[in-house]
C-alpha atoms as a PDB file:
ATOM      1  CA  MET A   1      -0.056   0.020   0.050  1.00  0.00           C
ATOM      2  CA  PRO A   2       1.354   3.475  -0.831  1.00  0.00           C
ATOM      3  CA  ARG A   3       2.671   5.314   2.239  1.00  0.00           C
ATOM      4  CA  TRP A   4       0.535   8.369   1.617  1.00  0.00           C
ATOM      5  CA  LEU A   5      -2.548   6.180   1.795  1.00  0.00           C
ATOM      6  CA  SER A   6      -1.616   4.887   5.158  1.00  0.00           C
ATOM      7  CA  HIS A   7      -1.085   8.331   6.690  1.00  0.00           C
ATOM      8  CA  PRO A   8      -3.613   8.885   9.651  1.00  0.00           C
ATOM      9  CA  VAL A   9      -4.873  12.223   8.132  1.00  0.00           C
ATOM     10  CA  MET A  10      -5.560  10.513   4.806  1.00  0.00           C
ATOM     11  CA  ARG A  11      -7.550   7.789   6.632  1.00  0.00           C
ATOM     12  CA  TRP A  12      -9.771  10.295   8.246  1.00  0.00           C
ATOM     13  CA  LEU A  13     -10.154  12.161   5.035  1.00  0.00           C
ATOM     14  CA  ILE A  14     -11.060   9.119   3.027  1.00  0.00           C
ATOM     15  CA  THR A  15     -13.505   8.030   5.701  1.00  0.00           C
ATOM     16  CA  ALA A  16     -15.229  11.437   5.679  1.00  0.00           C
ATOM     17  CA  LEU A  17     -15.248  11.469   1.862  1.00  0.00           C
ATOM     18  CA  LEU A  18     -16.806   8.106   1.456  1.00  0.00           C
ATOM     19  CA  LEU A  19     -19.443   8.708   4.138  1.00  0.00           C
ATOM     20  CA  GLY A  20     -20.175  12.111   2.593  1.00  0.00           C
ATOM     21  CA  ILE A  21     -20.662  10.555  -0.865  1.00  0.00           C
ATOM     22  CA  VAL A  22     -23.073   7.942   0.516  1.00  0.00           C
ATOM     23  CA  ILE A  23     -25.058  10.357   2.533  1.00  0.00           C
ATOM     24  CA  THR A  24     -25.474  12.982  -0.093  1.00  0.00           C
ATOM     25  CA  SER A  25     -26.256  10.328  -2.780  1.00  0.00           C
ATOM     26  CA  LEU A  26     -29.147   8.852  -0.739  1.00  0.00           C
ATOM     27  CA  ASP A  27     -32.069  10.063   1.323  1.00  0.00           C
ATOM     28  CA  SER A  28     -30.498  10.742   4.739  1.00  0.00           C
ATOM     29  CA  LYS A  29     -33.854  11.149   6.434  1.00  0.00           C
ATOM     30  CA  THR A  30     -34.823   7.609   5.297  1.00  0.00           C
ATOM     31  CA  ILE A  31     -31.495   6.310   6.654  1.00  0.00           C
ATOM     32  CA  VAL A  32     -32.205   7.902  10.077  1.00  0.00           C
ATOM     33  CA  SER A  33     -35.842   6.535  10.088  1.00  0.00           C
ATOM     34  CA  GLN A  34     -34.468   3.094   9.261  1.00  0.00           C
ATOM     35  CA  LEU A  35     -32.088   3.358  12.158  1.00  0.00           C
ATOM     36  CA  ALA A  36     -34.860   4.462  14.433  1.00  0.00           C
ATOM     37  CA  MET A  37     -36.883   1.372  13.467  1.00  0.00           C
ATOM     38  CA  ILE A  38     -34.522  -0.965  15.409  1.00  0.00           C
ATOM     39  CA  ASP A  39     -36.117  -1.881  18.734  1.00  0.00           C
ATOM     40  CA  PRO A  40     -33.881  -1.400  21.768  1.00  0.00           C
ATOM     41  CA  ALA A  41     -34.328  -5.085  22.648  1.00  0.00           C
ATOM     42  CA  PHE A  42     -32.563  -5.990  19.358  1.00  0.00           C
ATOM     43  CA  TRP A  43     -29.685  -3.608  20.110  1.00  0.00           C
ATOM     44  CA  VAL A  44     -29.231  -5.402  23.452  1.00  0.00           C
ATOM     45  CA  ALA A  45     -29.434  -8.841  21.858  1.00  0.00           C
ATOM     46  CA  ALA A  46     -26.847  -7.975  19.265  1.00  0.00           C
ATOM     47  CA  LEU A  47     -24.604  -6.479  22.004  1.00  0.00           C
ATOM     48  CA  ALA A  48     -24.864  -9.800  23.845  1.00  0.00           C
ATOM     49  CA  VAL A  49     -23.616 -11.624  20.771  1.00  0.00           C
ATOM     50  CA  THR A  50     -20.569  -9.454  20.704  1.00  0.00           C
ATOM     51  CA  ILE A  51     -19.551 -10.720  24.182  1.00  0.00           C
ATOM     52  CA  VAL A  52     -19.558 -14.190  22.768  1.00  0.00           C
ATOM     53  CA  GLN A  53     -17.675 -12.963  19.812  1.00  0.00           C
ATOM     54  CA  VAL A  54     -14.824 -11.506  21.870  1.00  0.00           C
ATOM     55  CA  GLY A  55     -14.751 -14.682  24.035  1.00  0.00           C
ATOM     56  CA  LEU A  56     -14.303 -16.872  20.948  1.00  0.00           C
ATOM     57  CA  SER A  57     -11.717 -14.526  19.391  1.00  0.00           C
ATOM     58  CA  ALA A  58      -9.735 -14.362  22.681  1.00  0.00           C
ATOM     59  CA  TRP A  59      -9.901 -18.228  22.911  1.00  0.00           C
ATOM     60  CA  ARG A  60      -8.547 -18.375  19.311  1.00  0.00           C
ATOM     61  CA  TRP A  61      -5.761 -16.053  20.073  1.00  0.00           C
ATOM     62  CA  ARG A  62      -4.917 -17.998  23.295  1.00  0.00           C
ATOM     63  CA  TYR A  63      -4.908 -21.319  21.370  1.00  0.00           C
ATOM     64  CA  THR A  64      -2.539 -19.791  18.697  1.00  0.00           C
ATOM     65  CA  ALA A  65      -0.212 -18.499  21.381  1.00  0.00           C
ATOM     66  CA  LEU A  66      -0.117 -21.855  23.178  1.00  0.00           C
ATOM     67  CA  ARG A  67       0.858 -23.505  19.929  1.00  0.00           C
ATOM     68  CA  LEU A  68       3.849 -21.185  19.885  1.00  0.00           C
ATOM     69  CA  ASN A  69       4.656 -22.111  23.505  1.00  0.00           C
ATOM     70  CA  LEU A  70       3.436 -18.834  24.914  1.00  0.00           C
ATOM     71  CA  GLU A  71       1.319 -18.662  28.074  1.00  0.00           C
ATOM     72  CA  LEU A  72      -1.835 -16.488  27.787  1.00  0.00           C
ATOM     73  CA  PRO A  73      -4.568 -16.775  30.504  1.00  0.00           C
ATOM     74  CA  PHE A  74      -8.022 -16.591  29.017  1.00  0.00           C
ATOM     75  CA  SER A  75      -9.100 -13.669  31.235  1.00  0.00           C
ATOM     76  CA  LYS A  76      -6.129 -11.673  30.092  1.00  0.00           C
ATOM     77  CA  ALA A  77      -6.721 -12.614  26.466  1.00  0.00           C
ATOM     78  CA  VAL A  78     -10.395 -11.286  26.804  1.00  0.00           C
ATOM     79  CA  SER A  79      -9.339  -7.927  28.405  1.00  0.00           C
ATOM     80  CA  GLU A  80      -6.524  -7.504  25.849  1.00  0.00           C
ATOM     81  CA  TYR A  81      -8.892  -8.266  22.960  1.00  0.00           C
ATOM     82  CA  TYR A  82     -11.336  -5.631  24.253  1.00  0.00           C
ATOM     83  CA  LEU A  83      -8.531  -3.123  24.435  1.00  0.00           C
ATOM     84  CA  ALA A  84      -7.352  -3.961  20.887  1.00  0.00           C
ATOM     85  CA  THR A  85     -10.869  -3.709  19.505  1.00  0.00           C
ATOM     86  CA  PHE A  86     -11.341  -0.264  21.115  1.00  0.00           C
ATOM     87  CA  ILE A  87      -8.075   0.998  19.732  1.00  0.00           C
ATOM     88  CA  ASN A  88      -8.957  -0.297  16.264  1.00  0.00           C
ATOM     89  CA  GLN A  89     -12.194   1.470  16.406  1.00  0.00           C
ATOM     90  CA  VAL A  90     -10.877   4.923  17.292  1.00  0.00           C
ATOM     91  CA  LEU A  91      -7.539   5.039  15.544  1.00  0.00           C
ATOM     92  CA  PRO A  92      -6.610   4.812  11.909  1.00  0.00           C
ATOM     93  CA  GLY A  93      -5.118   1.641  10.388  1.00  0.00           C
ATOM     94  CA  GLY A  94      -7.368  -1.129  11.930  1.00  0.00           C
ATOM     95  CA  VAL A  95      -4.261  -2.972  13.263  1.00  0.00           C
ATOM     96  CA  LEU A  96      -2.830  -0.669  15.884  1.00  0.00           C
ATOM     97  CA  GLY A  97      -4.845  -2.409  18.651  1.00  0.00           C
ATOM     98  CA  ASP A  98      -3.536  -5.715  17.478  1.00  0.00           C
ATOM     99  CA  VAL A  99       0.023  -4.557  17.397  1.00  0.00           C
ATOM    100  CA  ASN A 100      -0.501  -3.188  20.877  1.00  0.00           C
ATOM    101  CA  ARG A 101      -1.751  -6.526  22.276  1.00  0.00           C
ATOM    102  CA  ALA A 102       1.141  -8.375  20.584  1.00  0.00           C
ATOM    103  CA  LEU A 103       3.690  -6.006  22.184  1.00  0.00           C
ATOM    104  CA  ARG A 104       1.986  -6.211  25.647  1.00  0.00           C
ATOM    105  CA  HIS A 105       1.826 -10.004  25.467  1.00  0.00           C
ATOM    106  CA  GLY A 106       5.329 -10.246  24.175  1.00  0.00           C
ATOM    107  CA  THR A 107       6.533  -8.097  27.082  1.00  0.00           C
ATOM    108  CA  ASP A 108       4.891 -10.342  29.611  1.00  0.00           C
ATOM    109  CA  ALA A 109       5.969 -13.554  27.820  1.00  0.00           C
ATOM    110  CA  ASN A 110       9.462 -12.204  27.209  1.00  0.00           C
ATOM    111  CA  ALA A 111       9.156 -13.308  23.561  1.00  0.00           C
ATOM    112  CA  ARG A 112       7.955 -10.477  21.382  1.00  0.00           C
ATOM    113  CA  THR A 113       8.578 -12.216  17.999  1.00  0.00           C
ATOM    114  CA  SER A 114       6.423 -15.186  19.021  1.00  0.00           C
ATOM    115  CA  ALA A 115       3.757 -12.917  20.420  1.00  0.00           C
ATOM    116  CA  LEU A 116       3.651 -10.896  17.220  1.00  0.00           C
ATOM    117  CA  HIS A 117       3.389 -14.081  15.129  1.00  0.00           C
ATOM    118  CA  ALA A 118       0.456 -15.303  17.405  1.00  0.00           C
ATOM    119  CA  VAL A 119      -1.523 -12.079  16.732  1.00  0.00           C
ATOM    120  CA  MET A 120      -0.759 -12.049  12.987  1.00  0.00           C
ATOM    121  CA  ILE A 121      -1.747 -15.730  12.658  1.00  0.00           C
ATOM    122  CA  GLU A 122      -4.874 -15.360  14.702  1.00  0.00           C
ATOM    123  CA  ARG A 123      -5.958 -12.438  12.473  1.00  0.00           C
ATOM    124  CA  LEU A 124      -5.015 -14.356   9.290  1.00  0.00           C
ATOM    125  CA  SER A 125      -7.074 -17.342  10.545  1.00  0.00           C
ATOM    126  CA  GLY A 126     -10.093 -15.082  10.906  1.00  0.00           C
ATOM    127  CA  GLN A 127      -9.608 -13.413   7.478  1.00  0.00           C
ATOM    128  CA  LEU A 128      -9.201 -16.686   5.678  1.00  0.00           C
ATOM    129  CA  ALA A 129     -12.393 -18.046   7.366  1.00  0.00           C
ATOM    130  CA  LEU A 130     -14.321 -14.892   6.445  1.00  0.00           C
ATOM    131  CA  THR A 131     -13.198 -15.169   2.789  1.00  0.00           C
ATOM    132  CA  LEU A 132     -14.245 -18.887   2.722  1.00  0.00           C
ATOM    133  CA  VAL A 133     -17.576 -18.285   4.378  1.00  0.00           C
ATOM    134  CA  THR A 134     -18.385 -15.347   2.094  1.00  0.00           C
ATOM    135  CA  GLY A 135     -17.570 -17.455  -0.987  1.00  0.00           C
ATOM    136  CA  ILE A 136     -19.723 -20.303   0.227  1.00  0.00           C
ATOM    137  CA  LEU A 137     -22.646 -18.033   1.062  1.00  0.00           C
ATOM    138  CA  LEU A 138     -22.521 -16.240  -2.296  1.00  0.00           C
ATOM    139  CA  VAL A 139     -22.420 -19.543  -4.155  1.00  0.00           C
ATOM    140  CA  ALA A 140     -25.150 -21.091  -2.135  1.00  0.00           C
ATOM    141  CA  PHE A 141     -27.546 -18.062  -1.797  1.00  0.00           C
ATOM    142  CA  TRP A 142     -26.574 -15.796  -4.711  1.00  0.00           C
ATOM    143  CA  PRO A 143     -28.816 -12.705  -3.993  1.00  0.00           C
ATOM    144  CA  PHE A 144     -28.381 -10.816  -7.272  1.00  0.00           C
ATOM    145  CA  ALA A 145     -30.536 -12.850  -9.591  1.00  0.00           C
ATOM    146  CA  ASP A 146     -34.314 -12.670  -9.719  1.00  0.00           C
ATOM    147  CA  VAL A 147     -35.219 -11.117  -6.426  1.00  0.00           C
ATOM    148  CA  SER A 148     -38.868 -10.396  -7.127  1.00  0.00           C
ATOM    149  CA  ALA A 149     -40.121 -13.139  -4.874  1.00  0.00           C
ATOM    150  CA  GLY A 150     -40.446 -12.085  -1.318  1.00  0.00           C
ATOM    151  CA  LEU A 151     -38.427  -8.936  -1.609  1.00  0.00           C
ATOM    152  CA  VAL A 152     -39.119  -6.043  -3.968  1.00  0.00           C
ATOM    153  CA  SER A 153     -41.045  -6.679  -7.153  1.00  0.00           C
ATOM    154  CA  ARG A 154     -38.095  -5.843  -9.324  1.00  0.00           C
ATOM    155  CA  THR A 155     -35.668  -7.949 -11.230  1.00  0.00           C
ATOM    156  CA  VAL A 156     -31.958  -6.947 -11.252  1.00  0.00           C
ATOM    157  CA  SER A 157     -30.958  -5.993 -14.789  1.00  0.00           C
ATOM    158  CA  THR A 158     -27.971  -7.336 -16.518  1.00  0.00           C
ATOM    159  CA  SER A 159     -26.251  -3.985 -15.940  1.00  0.00           C
ATOM    160  CA  ALA A 160     -25.852  -5.101 -12.343  1.00  0.00           C
ATOM    161  CA  SER A 161     -22.953  -7.380 -13.413  1.00  0.00           C
ATOM    162  CA  LEU A 162     -20.544  -4.499 -13.772  1.00  0.00           C
ATOM    163  CA  PRO A 163     -20.842  -3.251 -10.162  1.00  0.00           C
ATOM    164  CA  VAL A 164     -20.598  -6.752  -8.879  1.00  0.00           C
ATOM    165  CA  LEU A 165     -17.456  -7.272 -10.975  1.00  0.00           C
ATOM    166  CA  ILE A 166     -15.969  -3.957  -9.619  1.00  0.00           C
ATOM    167  CA  LEU A 167     -16.763  -5.078  -6.002  1.00  0.00           C
ATOM    168  CA  ALA A 168     -15.210  -8.443  -6.637  1.00  0.00           C
ATOM    169  CA  VAL A 169     -12.011  -6.756  -7.905  1.00  0.00           C
ATOM    170  CA  LEU A 170     -11.907  -4.326  -4.904  1.00  0.00           C
ATOM    171  CA  ILE A 171     -12.330  -7.310  -2.555  1.00  0.00           C
ATOM    172  CA  LEU A 172      -9.500  -9.051  -4.179  1.00  0.00           C
ATOM    173  CA  VAL A 173      -7.261  -6.066  -3.970  1.00  0.00           C
ATOM    174  CA  ALA A 174      -8.223  -5.611  -0.288  1.00  0.00           C
ATOM    175  CA  ALA A 175      -7.322  -9.263   0.427  1.00  0.00           C
ATOM    176  CA  GLY A 176      -4.021  -8.847  -1.313  1.00  0.00           C
ATOM    177  CA  MET A 177      -3.258  -5.735   0.821  1.00  0.00           C
ATOM    178  CA  VAL A 178      -4.209  -7.513   3.993  1.00  0.00           C
ATOM    179  CA  TYR A 179      -2.435 -10.859   3.278  1.00  0.00           C
ATOM    180  CA  ARG A 180       0.656  -9.671   1.465  1.00  0.00           C
ATOM    181  CA  ARG A 181       2.561  -8.281   4.408  1.00  0.00           C
ATOM    182  CA  PRO A 182       1.884 -11.090   6.932  1.00  0.00           C
ATOM    183  CA  LEU A 183       2.598 -13.797   4.258  1.00  0.00           C
ATOM    184  CA  ALA A 184       5.774 -12.088   3.221  1.00  0.00           C
ATOM    185  CA  ARG A 185       7.009 -11.964   6.814  1.00  0.00           C
ATOM    186  CA  PHE A 186       6.100 -15.594   7.307  1.00  0.00           C
ATOM    187  CA  ALA A 187       8.088 -16.652   4.124  1.00  0.00           C
ATOM    188  CA  GLY A 188      11.199 -16.589   6.235  1.00  0.00           C
ATOM    189  CA  HIS A 189      11.615 -17.261   9.911  1.00  0.00           C
ATOM    190  CA  GLY A 190       7.882 -17.014  10.542  1.00  0.00           C
ATOM    191  CA  ALA A 191       7.080 -20.071   8.399  1.00  0.00           C
ATOM    192  CA  LYS A 192       7.606 -22.376  11.356  1.00  0.00           C
ATOM    193  CA  ALA A 193       5.094 -20.376  13.447  1.00  0.00           C
ATOM    194  CA  LEU A 194       2.585 -20.610  10.629  1.00  0.00           C
ATOM    195  CA  ARG A 195       3.056 -24.270  10.331  1.00  0.00           C
ATOM    196  CA  LEU A 196       2.863 -24.960  14.099  1.00  0.00           C
ATOM    197  CA  SER A 197      -0.281 -22.903  14.835  1.00  0.00           C
ATOM    198  CA  LEU A 198      -2.325 -22.866  11.595  1.00  0.00           C
ATOM    199  CA  PHE A 199      -1.267 -25.142   8.792  1.00  0.00           C
ATOM    200  CA  ASN A 200      -0.838 -28.227  10.799  1.00  0.00           C
ATOM    201  CA  ARG A 201      -2.940 -31.438  10.960  1.00  0.00           C
ATOM    202  CA  SER A 202      -3.596 -31.060  14.662  1.00  0.00           C
ATOM    203  CA  SER A 203      -4.402 -27.259  14.484  1.00  0.00           C
ATOM    204  CA  VAL A 204      -6.020 -26.466  11.149  1.00  0.00           C
ATOM    205  CA  LEU A 205      -9.369 -27.901  11.963  1.00  0.00           C
ATOM    206  CA  ILE A 206      -9.490 -26.247  15.358  1.00  0.00           C
ATOM    207  CA  GLN A 207      -8.505 -22.867  13.830  1.00  0.00           C
ATOM    208  CA  LEU A 208     -11.035 -23.305  11.055  1.00  0.00           C
ATOM    209  CA  VAL A 209     -13.998 -24.209  13.373  1.00  0.00           C
ATOM    210  CA  SER A 210     -13.172 -21.396  15.846  1.00  0.00           C
ATOM    211  CA  SER A 211     -12.759 -18.818  13.091  1.00  0.00           C
ATOM    212  CA  VAL A 212     -16.023 -19.841  11.358  1.00  0.00           C
ATOM    213  CA  LEU A 213     -17.772 -19.551  14.692  1.00  0.00           C
ATOM    214  CA  VAL A 214     -16.383 -15.968  15.063  1.00  0.00           C
ATOM    215  CA  VAL A 215     -17.626 -15.110  11.518  1.00  0.00           C
ATOM    216  CA  ALA A 216     -20.990 -16.609  12.520  1.00  0.00           C
ATOM    217  CA  THR A 217     -21.283 -14.116  15.454  1.00  0.00           C
ATOM    218  CA  TYR A 218     -20.538 -11.177  13.059  1.00  0.00           C
ATOM    219  CA  LEU A 219     -23.329 -12.364  10.752  1.00  0.00           C
ATOM    220  CA  ALA A 220     -25.616 -12.960  13.744  1.00  0.00           C
ATOM    221  CA  VAL A 221     -25.170  -9.305  14.759  1.00  0.00           C
ATOM    222  CA  PHE A 222     -26.305  -8.237  11.205  1.00  0.00           C
ATOM    223  CA  ALA A 223     -29.214 -10.701  11.369  1.00  0.00           C
ATOM    224  CA  ILE A 224     -30.465  -9.443  14.736  1.00  0.00           C
ATOM    225  CA  LEU A 225     -30.217  -5.801  13.719  1.00  0.00           C
ATOM    226  CA  ALA A 226     -31.859  -6.509  10.359  1.00  0.00           C
ATOM    227  CA  GLN A 227     -34.750  -8.338  12.197  1.00  0.00           C
ATOM    228  CA  GLY A 228     -35.146  -5.295  14.349  1.00  0.00           C
ATOM    229  CA  GLN A 229     -35.611  -3.250  11.186  1.00  0.00           C
ATOM    230  CA  ASP A 230     -37.980  -5.733   9.561  1.00  0.00           C
ATOM    231  CA  LEU A 231     -40.470  -5.650  12.530  1.00  0.00           C
ATOM    232  CA  ARG A 232     -41.469  -2.113  11.562  1.00  0.00           C
ATOM    233  CA  ALA A 233     -40.563  -2.166   7.838  1.00  0.00           C
ATOM    234  CA  SER A 234     -43.216  -1.604   5.201  1.00  0.00           C
ATOM    235  CA  PRO A 235     -44.554  -4.694   3.273  1.00  0.00           C
ATOM    236  CA  GLY A 236     -42.055  -5.661   0.487  1.00  0.00           C
ATOM    237  CA  ALA A 237     -39.092  -3.951   2.164  1.00  0.00           C
ATOM    238  CA  THR A 238     -38.005  -6.902   4.312  1.00  0.00           C
ATOM    239  CA  MET A 239     -35.446  -9.414   3.283  1.00  0.00           C
ATOM    240  CA  GLU A 240     -34.995 -13.097   3.686  1.00  0.00           C
ATOM    241  CA  LEU A 241     -32.122 -14.423   5.873  1.00  0.00           C
ATOM    242  CA  HIS A 242     -30.582 -16.394   3.020  1.00  0.00           C
ATOM    243  CA  HIS A 243     -30.227 -13.087   1.128  1.00  0.00           C
ATOM    244  CA  LEU A 244     -29.054 -11.099   4.138  1.00  0.00           C
ATOM    245  CA  LEU A 245     -26.245 -13.475   5.027  1.00  0.00           C
ATOM    246  CA  PRO A 246     -24.159 -13.188   1.834  1.00  0.00           C
ATOM    247  CA  LEU A 247     -24.755  -9.465   1.616  1.00  0.00           C
ATOM    248  CA  SER A 248     -23.612  -9.005   5.222  1.00  0.00           C
ATOM    249  CA  ALA A 249     -20.577 -11.184   4.575  1.00  0.00           C
ATOM    250  CA  GLY A 250     -19.788  -8.941   1.626  1.00  0.00           C
ATOM    251  CA  LEU A 251     -19.874  -5.914   3.869  1.00  0.00           C
ATOM    252  CA  LEU A 252     -17.479  -7.638   6.378  1.00  0.00           C
ATOM    253  CA  LEU A 253     -15.101  -8.547   3.478  1.00  0.00           C
ATOM    254  CA  ALA A 254     -15.289  -5.040   2.074  1.00  0.00           C
ATOM    255  CA  MET A 255     -14.174  -3.737   5.508  1.00  0.00           C
ATOM    256  CA  MET A 256     -10.898  -5.564   5.031  1.00  0.00           C
ATOM    257  CA  LEU A 257      -9.947  -2.703   2.627  1.00  0.00           C
ATOM    258  CA  PRO A 258      -7.509  -0.830   4.946  1.00  0.00           C
ATOM    259  CA  VAL A 259      -8.108   2.703   3.853  1.00  0.00           C
ATOM    260  CA  THR A 260     -10.506   4.146   6.469  1.00  0.00           C
ATOM    261  CA  ILE A 261     -11.232   4.169  10.251  1.00  0.00           C
ATOM    262  CA  ALA A 262     -12.758   0.945  11.441  1.00  0.00           C
ATOM    263  CA  GLY A 263     -14.239   0.259   8.065  1.00  0.00           C
ATOM    264  CA  TRP A 264     -16.559   3.315   8.093  1.00  0.00           C
ATOM    265  CA  GLY A 265     -17.285   4.593   4.650  1.00  0.00           C
ATOM    266  CA  VAL A 266     -16.125   1.487   2.805  1.00  0.00           C
ATOM    267  CA  ARG A 267     -18.834  -0.568   4.617  1.00  0.00           C
ATOM    268  CA  GLU A 268     -21.591   1.908   3.908  1.00  0.00           C
ATOM    269  CA  GLY A 269     -20.443   2.357   0.301  1.00  0.00           C
ATOM    270  CA  ALA A 270     -20.615  -1.427  -0.229  1.00  0.00           C
ATOM    271  CA  ALA A 271     -24.135  -1.523   1.333  1.00  0.00           C
ATOM    272  CA  ALA A 272     -25.212   1.315  -0.930  1.00  0.00           C
ATOM    273  CA  LEU A 273     -24.084  -0.772  -3.911  1.00  0.00           C
ATOM    274  CA  LEU A 274     -25.194  -4.286  -2.862  1.00  0.00           C
ATOM    275  CA  TRP A 275     -28.655  -3.626  -1.465  1.00  0.00           C
ATOM    276  CA  PRO A 276     -30.127  -2.190  -4.784  1.00  0.00           C
ATOM    277  CA  LEU A 277     -28.471  -5.141  -6.693  1.00  0.00           C
ATOM    278  CA  ALA A 278     -30.507  -7.442  -4.392  1.00  0.00           C
ATOM    279  CA  GLY A 279     -33.681  -5.379  -5.086  1.00  0.00           C
ATOM    280  CA  LEU A 280     -33.701  -3.605  -1.792  1.00  0.00           C
ATOM    281  CA  PRO A 281     -33.546   0.042  -0.816  1.00  0.00           C
ATOM    282  CA  ALA A 282     -30.016   1.341  -0.548  1.00  0.00           C
ATOM    283  CA  GLU A 283     -30.988   3.339   2.551  1.00  0.00           C
ATOM    284  CA  GLN A 284     -31.969   0.090   4.278  1.00  0.00           C
ATOM    285  CA  GLY A 285     -28.514  -1.348   3.707  1.00  0.00           C
ATOM    286  CA  VAL A 286     -26.697   1.761   4.712  1.00  0.00           C
ATOM    287  CA  ALA A 287     -28.760   2.074   7.886  1.00  0.00           C
ATOM    288  CA  LEU A 288     -28.040  -1.470   8.741  1.00  0.00           C
ATOM    289  CA  SER A 289     -24.322  -0.851   8.079  1.00  0.00           C
ATOM    290  CA  VAL A 290     -24.312   2.256  10.283  1.00  0.00           C
ATOM    291  CA  ALA A 291     -26.132   0.332  12.959  1.00  0.00           C
ATOM    292  CA  TYR A 292     -23.492  -2.358  12.869  1.00  0.00           C
ATOM    293  CA  GLY A 293     -20.690   0.248  13.130  1.00  0.00           C
ATOM    294  CA  LEU A 294     -22.292   1.915  16.010  1.00  0.00           C
ATOM    295  CA  LEU A 295     -22.865  -1.311  17.815  1.00  0.00           C
ATOM    296  CA  VAL A 296     -19.188  -2.475  17.388  1.00  0.00           C
ATOM    297  CA  LEU A 297     -18.029   0.864  18.762  1.00  0.00           C
ATOM    298  CA  VAL A 298     -20.277   0.552  21.835  1.00  0.00           C
ATOM    299  CA  SER A 299     -19.257  -3.147  22.307  1.00  0.00           C
ATOM    300  CA  SER A 300     -15.557  -2.097  22.382  1.00  0.00           C
ATOM    301  CA  LEU A 301     -16.084   0.284  25.281  1.00  0.00           C
ATOM    302  CA  PRO A 302     -14.916  -2.273  27.878  1.00  0.00           C
ATOM    303  CA  GLY A 303     -11.493  -1.767  26.124  1.00  0.00           C
ATOM    304  CA  ALA A 304     -11.629   1.919  27.138  1.00  0.00           C
ATOM    305  CA  GLY A 305     -12.117   0.785  30.659  1.00  0.00           C
ATOM    306  CA  VAL A 306      -9.067  -1.467  30.444  1.00  0.00           C
ATOM    307  CA  LEU A 307      -7.111   1.497  29.135  1.00  0.00           C
ATOM    308  CA  ILE A 308      -8.330   3.874  31.821  1.00  0.00           C
ATOM    309  CA  ALA A 309      -7.592   1.324  34.538  1.00  0.00           C
ATOM    310  CA  GLY A 310      -3.948   1.447  33.590  1.00  0.00           C
ATOM    311  CA  ALA A 311      -3.732  -2.154  32.448  1.00  0.00           C
ATOM    312  CA  SER A 312      -1.295  -1.047  29.732  1.00  0.00           C
ATOM    313  CA  ARG A 313       2.392  -1.465  30.783  1.00  0.00           C
ATOM    314  CA  VAL A 314       4.805  -1.856  27.939  1.00  0.00           C
ATOM    315  CA  GLY A 315       8.347  -2.412  29.196  1.00  0.00           C
ATOM    316  CA  GLN A 316      11.678  -3.544  27.864  1.00  0.00           C
ATOM    317  CA  SER A 317      12.058  -7.269  27.025  1.00  0.00           C
ATOM    318  CA  SER A 318      14.318  -9.456  24.965  1.00  0.00           C
ATOM    319  CA  ASP A 319      13.249 -10.351  21.498  1.00  0.00           C
ATOM    320  CA  GLN A 320      13.535 -14.186  21.548  1.00  0.00           C
ATOM    321  CA  THR A 321      11.461 -16.721  19.713  1.00  0.00           C
ATOM    322  CA  THR A 322      10.194 -19.834  21.555  1.00  0.00           C
ATOM    323  CA  TYR A 323       8.533 -22.506  19.570  1.00  0.00           C
ATOM    324  CA  PRO A 324       7.841 -25.973  20.871  1.00  0.00           C
ATOM    325  CA  ASN A 325       8.980 -29.190  19.140  1.00  0.00           C
ATOM    326  CA  GLN A 326       5.697 -30.078  17.522  1.00  0.00           C
ATOM    327  CA  GLY A 327       5.062 -31.959  14.432  1.00  0.00           C
END
């Protein structure tokens, strides 16, 4: 990625620009009314799912660290994951929180290289699972064909193929940006870490299952918020779950494009593109995307508590690598 694109100021500008384009291109009053449709009970239910989500993610991180012979108590993994999520939500880059938890864990474990590998592999595991799940959902429940039944009485025209192709290219570029750096680092001394904790007969299934479960919690949050919208939606403006899932997975995948703050702007832009292609109002998709973003921000607030409590103590440590003798 070009350095100028990764500058914090540019991230804020790109985020504001994309959000501005989406808001000015659509009916902002409708977006607000769509947000207001979500019953408070559904906000609470979705928030409860994020607790499970952090627990699963923390467990996956702990498992990865243990494969690299690093101790990581589950309670510490949870608190550190909340802190990392909060930092990722409020600072540009989307990875600063993860770098921070790697450094903090490496300081405690006296092995920063191993700790950094554990975090990178844990993130890679989740991204690979998200890509896999999105592909399966799109193949199984392709939502861009004839959507007149049960949705909006309109059939997507053949002109929709161009935006879909553009989106696919953007997603591939995003995946390349995300995967290129970690994989390049693992090509050398990190290859052993990758083999021990991810691409190993005794670990690949555990990594896959745990990561798919984490992706399921992301999709569950979208589903709950969408259900909250549907309860008060007008007839013909609701959407079936088998259409919602691939669209929501597409939004999650679009957020991998590391050019904005916490995916804001990219996610809403993808929603404004995908929902009309599925025969649904763009405002509905953007409102759901905004609701998701707000919920994730609120769910990360325990991380602010960890920060305020002074749990962050980064000291000096040796940079050694400790991997077990595993097959």
